[in-house]
Amino acid sequence: MTIRLAKKRQNILISIVLLCFNEVRHGYLERILANLHEQEGHKEIIFCD
């Protein structure tokens, strides 16, 4: 699993890692990322394998 954030925000990183490990549905994860993008103003590249 690889996670990269344009801005390093530890709390967001932890949240995304937990989402990946809990195998949250892809659509739900996309909504979380869209909300983060609106709030933080940065882009994420997420791979959950």
N, C-alpha and C. Protein backbone atom coordinates (compact mmCIF):
# COMPACT_ATOMS: atom_id res chain seq x y z
N MET A 1 0.85 -1.19 0.00
CA MET A 1 0.00 0.00 0.00
C MET A 1 0.88 1.24 0.00
N THR A 2 0.59 2.16 -0.88
CA THR A 2 1.35 3.41 -0.97
C THR A 2 0.41 4.58 -0.79
N ILE A 3 0.79 5.51 0.07
CA ILE A 3 -0.02 6.70 0.30
C ILE A 3 0.87 7.92 0.19
N ARG A 4 0.48 8.85 -0.69
CA ARG A 4 1.24 10.09 -0.82
C ARG A 4 0.27 11.26 -0.73
N LEU A 5 0.65 12.28 0.02
CA LEU A 5 -0.16 13.49 0.13
C LEU A 5 0.67 14.68 -0.33
N ALA A 6 0.03 15.58 -1.08
CA ALA A 6 0.74 16.77 -1.53
C ALA A 6 1.19 17.60 -0.32
N LYS A 7 0.31 17.67 0.69
CA LYS A 7 0.68 18.30 1.95
C LYS A 7 0.69 17.22 3.02
N LYS A 8 1.71 17.19 3.83
CA LYS A 8 1.79 16.16 4.85
C LYS A 8 0.98 16.59 6.07
N ARG A 9 -0.12 15.89 6.27
CA ARG A 9 -0.97 16.14 7.43
C ARG A 9 -1.13 14.81 8.15
N GLN A 10 -0.50 14.67 9.30
CA GLN A 10 -0.44 13.39 10.00
C GLN A 10 -1.83 12.83 10.30
N ASN A 11 -2.75 13.69 10.74
CA ASN A 11 -4.07 13.18 11.10
C ASN A 11 -4.81 12.65 9.88
N ILE A 12 -4.68 13.32 8.74
CA ILE A 12 -5.32 12.85 7.51
C ILE A 12 -4.68 11.54 7.07
N LEU A 13 -3.36 11.47 7.15
CA LEU A 13 -2.64 10.26 6.76
C LEU A 13 -3.13 9.07 7.58
N ILE A 14 -3.23 9.25 8.89
CA ILE A 14 -3.69 8.18 9.77
C ILE A 14 -5.11 7.76 9.40
N SER A 15 -5.98 8.74 9.14
CA SER A 15 -7.36 8.43 8.80
C SER A 15 -7.44 7.60 7.52
N ILE A 16 -6.64 7.99 6.52
CA ILE A 16 -6.67 7.26 5.25
C ILE A 16 -6.11 5.86 5.42
N VAL A 17 -5.05 5.71 6.21
CA VAL A 17 -4.49 4.39 6.47
C VAL A 17 -5.54 3.50 7.12
N LEU A 18 -6.25 4.04 8.11
CA LEU A 18 -7.29 3.26 8.78
C LEU A 18 -8.39 2.88 7.80
N LEU A 19 -8.77 3.79 6.91
CA LEU A 19 -9.78 3.48 5.91
C LEU A 19 -9.32 2.33 5.02
N CYS A 20 -8.05 2.37 4.62
CA CYS A 20 -7.52 1.31 3.75
C CYS A 20 -7.49 -0.03 4.48
N PHE A 21 -7.03 -0.03 5.72
CA PHE A 21 -6.93 -1.27 6.47
C PHE A 21 -8.30 -1.85 6.79
N ASN A 22 -9.29 -0.99 6.97
CA ASN A 22 -10.64 -1.47 7.26
C ASN A 22 -11.40 -1.84 6.00
N GLU A 23 -10.75 -1.70 4.84
CA GLU A 23 -11.34 -2.08 3.56
C GLU A 23 -12.69 -1.41 3.34
N VAL A 24 -12.72 -0.10 3.56
CA VAL A 24 -13.94 0.67 3.33
C VAL A 24 -14.24 0.66 1.83
N ARG A 25 -15.52 0.65 1.51
CA ARG A 25 -15.92 0.63 0.10
C ARG A 25 -15.31 1.80 -0.66
N HIS A 26 -14.94 1.54 -1.92
CA HIS A 26 -14.21 2.53 -2.72
C HIS A 26 -14.99 3.83 -2.86
N GLY A 27 -16.28 3.75 -3.05
CA GLY A 27 -17.10 4.95 -3.20
C GLY A 27 -17.06 5.82 -1.95
N TYR A 28 -17.07 5.17 -0.77
CA TYR A 28 -17.01 5.90 0.49
C TYR A 28 -15.67 6.61 0.62
N LEU A 29 -14.59 5.93 0.25
CA LEU A 29 -13.25 6.51 0.32
C LEU A 29 -13.14 7.71 -0.62
N GLU A 30 -13.75 7.60 -1.80
CA GLU A 30 -13.73 8.72 -2.75
C GLU A 30 -14.42 9.95 -2.17
N ARG A 31 -15.53 9.74 -1.47
CA ARG A 31 -16.24 10.87 -0.87
C ARG A 31 -15.40 11.52 0.22
N ILE A 32 -14.71 10.72 1.01
CA ILE A 32 -13.82 11.26 2.05
C ILE A 32 -12.73 12.12 1.40
N LEU A 33 -12.13 11.61 0.33
CA LEU A 33 -11.06 12.35 -0.34
C LEU A 33 -11.57 13.64 -0.96
N ALA A 34 -12.79 13.60 -1.51
CA ALA A 34 -13.38 14.81 -2.07
C ALA A 34 -13.58 15.86 -0.98
N ASN A 35 -14.04 15.42 0.19
CA ASN A 35 -14.22 16.34 1.31
C ASN A 35 -12.89 16.90 1.78
N LEU A 36 -11.86 16.07 1.86
CA LEU A 36 -10.54 16.54 2.26
C LEU A 36 -10.01 17.55 1.26
N HIS A 37 -10.23 17.29 -0.01
CA HIS A 37 -9.74 18.20 -1.05
C HIS A 37 -10.40 19.57 -0.91
N GLU A 38 -11.69 19.58 -0.63
CA GLU A 38 -12.40 20.85 -0.47
C GLU A 38 -11.92 21.60 0.76
N GLN A 39 -11.66 20.87 1.84
CA GLN A 39 -11.28 21.50 3.10
C GLN A 39 -9.81 21.94 3.10
N GLU A 40 -8.94 21.10 2.59
CA GLU A 40 -7.50 21.34 2.70
C GLU A 40 -6.90 21.97 1.46
N GLY A 41 -7.60 21.87 0.32
CA GLY A 41 -7.10 22.47 -0.91
C GLY A 41 -5.86 21.79 -1.46
N HIS A 42 -5.81 20.47 -1.39
CA HIS A 42 -4.69 19.75 -1.98
C HIS A 42 -5.19 18.47 -2.64
N LYS A 43 -4.32 17.85 -3.44
CA LYS A 43 -4.71 16.64 -4.15
C LYS A 43 -4.03 15.44 -3.53
N GLU A 44 -4.72 14.30 -3.56
CA GLU A 44 -4.19 13.08 -2.98
C GLU A 44 -4.08 12.01 -4.06
N ILE A 45 -3.08 11.16 -3.91
CA ILE A 45 -2.97 9.97 -4.74
C ILE A 45 -3.00 8.78 -3.78
N ILE A 46 -4.03 7.96 -3.90
CA ILE A 46 -4.24 6.89 -2.93
C ILE A 46 -4.27 5.54 -3.64
N PHE A 47 -3.53 4.58 -3.09
CA PHE A 47 -3.58 3.21 -3.57
C PHE A 47 -3.82 2.30 -2.37
N CYS A 48 -4.93 1.59 -2.39
CA CYS A 48 -5.21 0.63 -1.32
C CYS A 48 -5.25 -0.76 -1.93
N ASP A 49 -4.23 -1.55 -1.67
CA ASP A 49 -4.15 -2.89 -2.25
C ASP A 49 -4.42 -3.95 -1.19
